[in-house]
PDB file of N, CA and C in Angstrom:
ATOM      1  N   MET A   1      -9.015   2.562  19.468  1.00  0.00           N
ATOM      2  CA  MET A   1      -7.883   3.213  18.886  1.00  0.00           C
ATOM      3  C   MET A   1      -8.198   3.703  17.515  1.00  0.00           C
ATOM      4  N   GLU A   2      -8.082   4.723  17.155  1.00  0.00           N
ATOM      5  CA  GLU A   2      -8.332   5.302  15.831  1.00  0.00           C
ATOM      6  C   GLU A   2      -7.142   5.010  14.832  1.00  0.00           C
ATOM      7  N   ILE A   3      -7.641   4.535  13.735  1.00  0.00           N
ATOM      8  CA  ILE A   3      -6.555   4.192  12.590  1.00  0.00           C
ATOM      9  C   ILE A   3      -5.938   5.484  12.098  1.00  0.00           C
ATOM     10  N   PRO A   4      -4.679   5.470  11.855  1.00  0.00           N
ATOM     11  CA  PRO A   4      -4.051   6.576  11.333  1.00  0.00           C
ATOM     12  C   PRO A   4      -4.312   6.931   9.988  1.00  0.00           C
ATOM     13  N   LYS A   5      -4.392   8.150   9.550  1.00  0.00           N
ATOM     14  CA  LYS A   5      -4.828   8.575   8.042  1.00  0.00           C
ATOM     15  C   LYS A   5      -3.976   9.585   7.632  1.00  0.00           C
ATOM     16  N   LYS A   6      -3.817   9.530   6.260  1.00  0.00           N
ATOM     17  CA  LYS A   6      -2.991  10.539   5.439  1.00  0.00           C
ATOM     18  C   LYS A   6      -3.972  11.001   4.421  1.00  0.00           C
ATOM     19  N   GLU A   7      -3.837  12.313   4.223  1.00  0.00           N
ATOM     20  CA  GLU A   7      -4.551  12.949   3.038  1.00  0.00           C
ATOM     21  C   GLU A   7      -3.681  13.491   2.027  1.00  0.00           C
ATOM     22  N   HIS A   8      -3.999  13.177   0.870  1.00  0.00           N
ATOM     23  CA  HIS A   8      -3.241  13.604  -0.432  1.00  0.00           C
ATOM     24  C   HIS A   8      -4.183  14.284  -1.327  1.00  0.00           C
ATOM     25  N   LYS A   9      -3.796  15.517  -1.917  1.00  0.00           N
ATOM     26  CA  LYS A   9      -4.441  16.210  -2.816  1.00  0.00           C
ATOM     27  C   LYS A   9      -3.746  16.026  -4.147  1.00  0.00           C
ATOM     28  N   ILE A  10      -4.723  15.634  -5.076  1.00  0.00           N
ATOM     29  CA  ILE A  10      -4.203  15.230  -6.562  1.00  0.00           C
ATOM     30  C   ILE A  10      -5.208  15.994  -7.359  1.00  0.00           C
ATOM     31  N   GLY A  11      -4.730  17.197  -7.986  1.00  0.00           N
ATOM     32  CA  GLY A  11      -5.557  18.018  -8.638  1.00  0.00           C
ATOM     33  C   GLY A  11      -6.878  18.545  -7.745  1.00  0.00           C
ATOM     34  N   ASN A  12      -8.035  18.222  -8.361  1.00  0.00           N
ATOM     35  CA  ASN A  12      -9.295  18.511  -7.496  1.00  0.00           C
ATOM     36  C   ASN A  12      -9.706  17.190  -6.618  1.00  0.00           C
ATOM     37  N   THR A  13      -9.125  16.141  -6.636  1.00  0.00           N
ATOM     38  CA  THR A  13      -9.279  15.001  -5.876  1.00  0.00           C
ATOM     39  C   THR A  13      -8.487  14.944  -4.448  1.00  0.00           C
ATOM     40  N   THR A  14      -9.282  14.605  -3.464  1.00  0.00           N
ATOM     41  CA  THR A  14      -8.605  14.326  -2.206  1.00  0.00           C
ATOM     42  C   THR A  14      -8.608  12.800  -2.029  1.00  0.00           C
ATOM     43  N   VAL A  15      -7.473  12.303  -1.689  1.00  0.00           N
ATOM     44  CA  VAL A  15      -7.473  10.827  -1.306  1.00  0.00           C
ATOM     45  C   VAL A  15      -7.110  10.699  -0.041  1.00  0.00           C
ATOM     46  N   ILE A  16      -7.875   9.957   0.824  1.00  0.00           N
ATOM     47  CA  ILE A  16      -7.558   9.673   2.278  1.00  0.00           C
ATOM     48  C   ILE A  16      -7.084   8.310   2.427  1.00  0.00           C
ATOM     49  N   ILE A  17      -6.027   7.989   3.047  1.00  0.00           N
ATOM     50  CA  ILE A  17      -5.560   6.560   3.124  1.00  0.00           C
ATOM     51  C   ILE A  17      -5.658   6.387   4.730  1.00  0.00           C
ATOM     52  N   HIS A  18      -6.390   5.418   5.046  1.00  0.00           N
ATOM     53  CA  HIS A  18      -6.653   5.007   6.586  1.00  0.00           C
ATOM     54  C   HIS A  18      -6.001   3.655   6.541  1.00  0.00           C
ATOM     55  N   SER A  19      -4.796   3.754   7.287  1.00  0.00           N
ATOM     56  CA  SER A  19      -3.944   2.491   7.372  1.00  0.00           C
ATOM     57  C   SER A  19      -2.697   2.863   8.446  1.00  0.00           C
ATOM     58  N   PRO A  20      -2.417   1.685   9.236  1.00  0.00           N
ATOM     59  CA  PRO A  20      -1.146   1.850  10.174  1.00  0.00           C
ATOM     60  C   PRO A  20       0.035   2.014   9.324  1.00  0.00           C
ATOM     61  N   LEU A  21       0.103   1.866   8.005  1.00  0.00           N
ATOM     62  CA  LEU A  21       1.227   2.016   7.354  1.00  0.00           C
ATOM     63  C   LEU A  21       1.635   3.445   7.160  1.00  0.00           C
ATOM     64  N   VAL A  22       0.747   4.515   7.289  1.00  0.00           N
ATOM     65  CA  VAL A  22       0.864   5.744   7.087  1.00  0.00           C
ATOM     66  C   VAL A  22       1.701   6.291   8.218  1.00  0.00           C
ATOM     67  N   ALA A  23       1.794   5.873   9.385  1.00  0.00           N
ATOM     68  CA  ALA A  23       2.457   6.282  10.628  1.00  0.00           C
ATOM     69  C   ALA A  23       3.788   5.616  10.758  1.00  0.00           C
ATOM     70  N   MET A  24       4.068   4.509   9.852  1.00  0.00           N
ATOM     71  CA  MET A  24       5.523   4.008   9.866  1.00  0.00           C
ATOM     72  C   MET A  24       6.425   4.831   9.035  1.00  0.00           C
ATOM     73  N   THR A  25       7.780   4.645   9.473  1.00  0.00           N
ATOM     74  CA  THR A  25       8.936   5.170   8.681  1.00  0.00           C
ATOM     75  C   THR A  25       9.100   4.427   7.485  1.00  0.00           C
ATOM     76  N   GLU A  26       9.850   4.843   6.514  1.00  0.00           N
ATOM     77  CA  GLU A  26       9.942   4.083   5.096  1.00  0.00           C
ATOM     78  C   GLU A  26      10.500   2.864   5.386  1.00  0.00           C
ATOM     79  N   GLU A  27      11.552   2.771   6.411  1.00  0.00           N
ATOM     80  CA  GLU A  27      12.127   1.320   6.865  1.00  0.00           C
ATOM     81  C   GLU A  27      11.270   0.435   7.283  1.00  0.00           C
ATOM     82  N   GLU A  28      10.441   1.010   8.100  1.00  0.00           N
ATOM     83  CA  GLU A  28       9.230   0.046   8.759  1.00  0.00           C
ATOM     84  C   GLU A  28       8.297  -0.534   7.716  1.00  0.00           C
ATOM     85  N   ARG A  29       8.070   0.467   6.740  1.00  0.00           N
ATOM     86  CA  ARG A  29       7.116  -0.102   5.617  1.00  0.00           C
ATOM     87  C   ARG A  29       7.727  -0.971   4.820  1.00  0.00           C
ATOM     88  N   VAL A  30       9.119  -0.932   4.619  1.00  0.00           N
ATOM     89  CA  VAL A  30       9.972  -1.839   3.576  1.00  0.00           C
ATOM     90  C   VAL A  30       9.876  -3.170   4.390  1.00  0.00           C
ATOM     91  N   ARG A  31      10.165  -3.028   5.703  1.00  0.00           N
ATOM     92  CA  ARG A  31      10.194  -4.292   6.513  1.00  0.00           C
ATOM     93  C   ARG A  31       8.826  -5.069   6.484  1.00  0.00           C
ATOM     94  N   TRP A  32       7.773  -4.166   6.645  1.00  0.00           N
ATOM     95  CA  TRP A  32       6.369  -4.857   6.775  1.00  0.00           C
ATOM     96  C   TRP A  32       6.002  -5.492   5.376  1.00  0.00           C
ATOM     97  N   PHE A  33       6.425  -4.732   4.315  1.00  0.00           N
ATOM     98  CA  PHE A  33       6.172  -5.321   2.962  1.00  0.00           C
ATOM     99  C   PHE A  33       6.836  -6.573   2.735  1.00  0.00           C
ATOM    100  N   ASN A  34       8.054  -6.707   3.138  1.00  0.00           N
ATOM    101  CA  ASN A  34       8.736  -7.861   3.012  1.00  0.00           C
ATOM    102  C   ASN A  34       8.374  -8.980   3.826  1.00  0.00           C
ATOM    103  N   ASP A  35       8.157  -8.711   5.033  1.00  0.00           N
ATOM    104  CA  ASP A  35       7.528  -9.740   5.867  1.00  0.00           C
ATOM    105  C   ASP A  35       6.260 -10.233   5.329  1.00  0.00           C
ATOM    106  N   GLU A  36       5.372  -9.365   4.955  1.00  0.00           N
ATOM    107  CA  GLU A  36       4.029  -9.826   4.384  1.00  0.00           C
ATOM    108  C   GLU A  36       4.266 -10.639   3.206  1.00  0.00           C
ATOM    109  N   TRP A  37       5.161 -10.137   2.314  1.00  0.00           N
ATOM    110  CA  TRP A  37       5.324 -10.945   0.936  1.00  0.00           C
ATOM    111  C   TRP A  37       5.893 -12.405   1.329  1.00  0.00           C
ATOM    112  N   GLU A  38       6.827 -12.712   2.322  1.00  0.00           N
ATOM    113  CA  GLU A  38       7.298 -13.718   2.756  1.00  0.00           C
ATOM    114  C   GLU A  38       6.304 -14.723   3.222  1.00  0.00           C
ATOM    115  N   LYS A  39       5.299 -14.084   4.034  1.00  0.00           N
ATOM    116  CA  LYS A  39       4.262 -14.947   4.572  1.00  0.00           C
ATOM    117  C   LYS A  39       2.983 -15.303   3.504  1.00  0.00           C
ATOM    118  N   GLY A  40       3.248 -14.520   2.373  1.00  0.00           N
ATOM    119  CA  GLY A  40       2.347 -14.925   1.323  1.00  0.00           C
ATOM    120  C   GLY A  40       0.913 -14.236   1.327  1.00  0.00           C
ATOM    121  N   ASN A  41       1.031 -13.014   2.021  1.00  0.00           N
ATOM    122  CA  ASN A  41      -0.326 -12.323   2.192  1.00  0.00           C
ATOM    123  C   ASN A  41      -0.953 -12.104   0.722  1.00  0.00           C
ATOM    124  N   PRO A  42      -2.352 -12.452   0.839  1.00  0.00           N
ATOM    125  CA  PRO A  42      -2.990 -12.842  -0.523  1.00  0.00           C
ATOM    126  C   PRO A  42      -3.430 -11.529  -1.016  1.00  0.00           C
ATOM    127  N   VAL A  43      -3.571 -10.423  -0.155  1.00  0.00           N
ATOM    128  CA  VAL A  43      -4.017  -9.040  -0.685  1.00  0.00           C
ATOM    129  C   VAL A  43      -2.933  -8.365  -1.279  1.00  0.00           C
ATOM    130  N   LEU A  44      -1.788  -8.612  -0.685  1.00  0.00           N
ATOM    131  CA  LEU A  44      -0.529  -7.864  -1.287  1.00  0.00           C
ATOM    132  C   LEU A  44      -0.124  -8.557  -2.602  1.00  0.00           C
ATOM    133  N   LYS A  45      -0.531  -9.875  -2.605  1.00  0.00           N
ATOM    134  CA  LYS A  45      -0.005 -10.597  -3.830  1.00  0.00           C
ATOM    135  C   LYS A  45      -1.107 -10.227  -4.921  1.00  0.00           C
ATOM    136  N   GLU A  46      -2.245 -10.045  -4.738  1.00  0.00           N
ATOM    137  CA  GLU A  46      -3.505  -9.494  -5.800  1.00  0.00           C
ATOM    138  C   GLU A  46      -3.035  -8.164  -6.112  1.00  0.00           C
ATOM    139  N   ILE A  47      -2.532  -7.241  -5.244  1.00  0.00           N
ATOM    140  CA  ILE A  47      -2.134  -5.915  -5.559  1.00  0.00           C
ATOM    141  C   ILE A  47      -1.008  -5.988  -6.609  1.00  0.00           C
ATOM    142  N   ALA A  48      -0.043  -6.794  -6.334  1.00  0.00           N
ATOM    143  CA  ALA A  48       1.235  -7.058  -7.127  1.00  0.00           C
ATOM    144  C   ALA A  48       0.809  -7.494  -8.632  1.00  0.00           C
ATOM    145  N   VAL A  49      -0.231  -8.332  -8.684  1.00  0.00           N
ATOM    146  CA  VAL A  49      -0.684  -8.702  -9.896  1.00  0.00           C
ATOM    147  C   VAL A  49      -1.486  -7.568 -10.644  1.00  0.00           C
ATOM    148  N   ALA A  50      -2.373  -6.931  -9.947  1.00  0.00           N
ATOM    149  CA  ALA A  50      -3.026  -5.764 -10.561  1.00  0.00           C
ATOM    150  C   ALA A  50      -2.108  -4.833 -11.135  1.00  0.00           C
ATOM    151  N   VAL A  51      -1.019  -4.388 -10.488  1.00  0.00           N
ATOM    152  CA  VAL A  51      -0.011  -3.487 -10.861  1.00  0.00           C
ATOM    153  C   VAL A  51       0.695  -4.010 -12.196  1.00  0.00           C
ATOM    154  N   SER A  52       1.371  -5.117 -11.889  1.00  0.00           N
ATOM    155  CA  SER A  52       1.845  -5.986 -13.066  1.00  0.00           C
ATOM    156  C   SER A  52       0.958  -5.831 -14.410  1.00  0.00           C
ATOM    157  N   ASN A  53      -0.284  -6.209 -14.133  1.00  0.00           N
ATOM    158  CA  ASN A  53      -1.292  -6.144 -15.184  1.00  0.00           C
ATOM    159  C   ASN A  53      -1.416  -4.803 -16.020  1.00  0.00           C
ATOM    160  N   CYS A  54      -1.220  -3.674 -15.168  1.00  0.00           N
ATOM    161  CA  CYS A  54      -1.397  -2.389 -15.771  1.00  0.00           C
ATOM    162  C   CYS A  54      -0.263  -2.068 -16.567  1.00  0.00           C
ATOM    163  N   TYR A  55       1.037  -2.745 -16.541  1.00  0.00           N
ATOM    164  CA  TYR A  55       2.146  -2.495 -17.325  1.00  0.00           C
ATOM    165  C   TYR A  55       2.210  -3.629 -18.364  1.00  0.00           C
ATOM    166  N   SER A  56       1.641  -4.611 -18.396  1.00  0.00           N
ATOM    167  CA  SER A  56       1.813  -5.546 -19.452  1.00  0.00           C
ATOM    168  C   SER A  56       1.099  -5.238 -20.815  1.00  0.00           C
ATOM    169  N   GLU A  57       1.465  -5.733 -21.788  1.00  0.00           N
ATOM    170  CA  GLU A  57       0.974  -5.363 -23.059  1.00  0.00           C
ATOM    171  C   GLU A  57       0.295  -6.520 -23.799  1.00  0.00           C
ATOM    172  N   ASP A  58      -1.046  -6.649 -23.542  1.00  0.00           N
ATOM    173  CA  ASP A  58      -1.605  -7.938 -24.197  1.00  0.00           C
ATOM    174  C   ASP A  58      -2.444  -7.446 -25.321  1.00  0.00           C
TER     175      ASP A  58
END
C-alpha cells in the first residue's frame, strides 16, 4: 500500500509530505491529533516543544 503524499510549492522549493494525514479531512486530523496527544505520542510532544522553542525569547 502506497503512503499518500501531498506536494507544496513554496517559492523555488518543493515540499512533499508523505503521510496518511494528508488524505484525512480537517476533522479527522483534529481527532487524530487529540487522540495522539492524549496517548502521549512522544514524536508529537517533541514537535510541540520544538515549535514552542521557536517562539520563546531566551
